[in-house]
Amino acid sequence: MAARGGGREEKSRNTRMLARVFAQI
């Protein structure tokens, strides 16, 4: 989703957001 040069921080945030989206399904 986010195409930034973050790295671990972006991955951690993405994982949390993905987990929330998955929980909604």
N, C-alpha and C. Protein backbone atom coordinates (compact mmCIF):
# COMPACT_ATOMS: atom_id res chain seq x y z
N MET A 1 0.86 -1.20 0.00
CA MET A 1 0.00 0.00 0.00
C MET A 1 0.89 1.24 0.00
N ALA A 2 1.58 1.44 1.09
CA ALA A 2 2.46 2.62 1.19
C ALA A 2 3.79 2.32 0.51
N ALA A 3 4.07 3.06 -0.55
CA ALA A 3 5.33 2.83 -1.28
C ALA A 3 6.38 3.83 -0.82
N ARG A 4 6.70 3.78 0.48
CA ARG A 4 7.72 4.71 1.00
C ARG A 4 8.99 3.96 1.35
N GLY A 5 10.06 4.68 1.63
CA GLY A 5 11.33 4.02 1.97
C GLY A 5 11.46 3.84 3.47
N GLY A 6 10.43 3.33 4.11
CA GLY A 6 10.48 3.17 5.56
C GLY A 6 11.33 1.98 5.95
N GLY A 7 10.75 0.78 5.90
CA GLY A 7 11.54 -0.39 6.27
C GLY A 7 10.84 -1.17 7.37
N ARG A 8 11.45 -1.19 8.54
CA ARG A 8 10.83 -1.96 9.65
C ARG A 8 9.62 -1.19 10.20
N GLU A 9 9.77 0.08 10.36
CA GLU A 9 8.63 0.85 10.91
C GLU A 9 7.42 0.73 9.99
N GLU A 10 7.64 0.86 8.71
CA GLU A 10 6.51 0.77 7.77
C GLU A 10 5.92 -0.63 7.80
N LYS A 11 6.79 -1.62 7.88
CA LYS A 11 6.28 -3.00 7.88
C LYS A 11 5.44 -3.23 9.13
N SER A 12 5.94 -2.77 10.26
CA SER A 12 5.21 -2.97 11.52
C SER A 12 3.83 -2.31 11.44
N ARG A 13 3.82 -1.10 10.91
CA ARG A 13 2.55 -0.36 10.82
C ARG A 13 1.65 -1.08 9.80
N ASN A 14 2.22 -1.50 8.71
CA ASN A 14 1.41 -2.17 7.68
C ASN A 14 0.81 -3.46 8.24
N THR A 15 1.62 -4.17 8.98
CA THR A 15 1.13 -5.44 9.55
C THR A 15 -0.04 -5.17 10.48
N ARG A 16 0.07 -4.11 11.27
CA ARG A 16 -1.02 -3.80 12.23
C ARG A 16 -2.27 -3.42 11.44
N MET A 17 -2.10 -2.63 10.43
CA MET A 17 -3.27 -2.20 9.64
C MET A 17 -3.88 -3.42 8.94
N LEU A 18 -3.03 -4.27 8.41
CA LEU A 18 -3.54 -5.46 7.72
C LEU A 18 -4.29 -6.34 8.70
N ALA A 19 -3.75 -6.49 9.89
CA ALA A 19 -4.41 -7.33 10.90
C ALA A 19 -5.80 -6.78 11.18
N ARG A 20 -5.91 -5.46 11.22
CA ARG A 20 -7.22 -4.85 11.51
C ARG A 20 -8.18 -5.14 10.36
N VAL A 21 -7.69 -5.00 9.16
CA VAL A 21 -8.55 -5.25 8.00
C VAL A 21 -8.98 -6.71 7.97
N PHE A 22 -8.04 -7.60 8.29
CA PHE A 22 -8.37 -9.03 8.28
C PHE A 22 -9.39 -9.34 9.36
N ALA A 23 -9.27 -8.67 10.49
CA ALA A 23 -10.20 -8.93 11.60
C ALA A 23 -11.61 -8.50 11.21
N GLN A 24 -11.67 -7.51 10.32
CA GLN A 24 -13.00 -7.03 9.91
C GLN A 24 -13.70 -8.06 9.04
N ILE A 25 -12.94 -8.79 8.26
CA ILE A 25 -13.54 -9.76 7.35
C ILE A 25 -14.18 -10.90 8.15
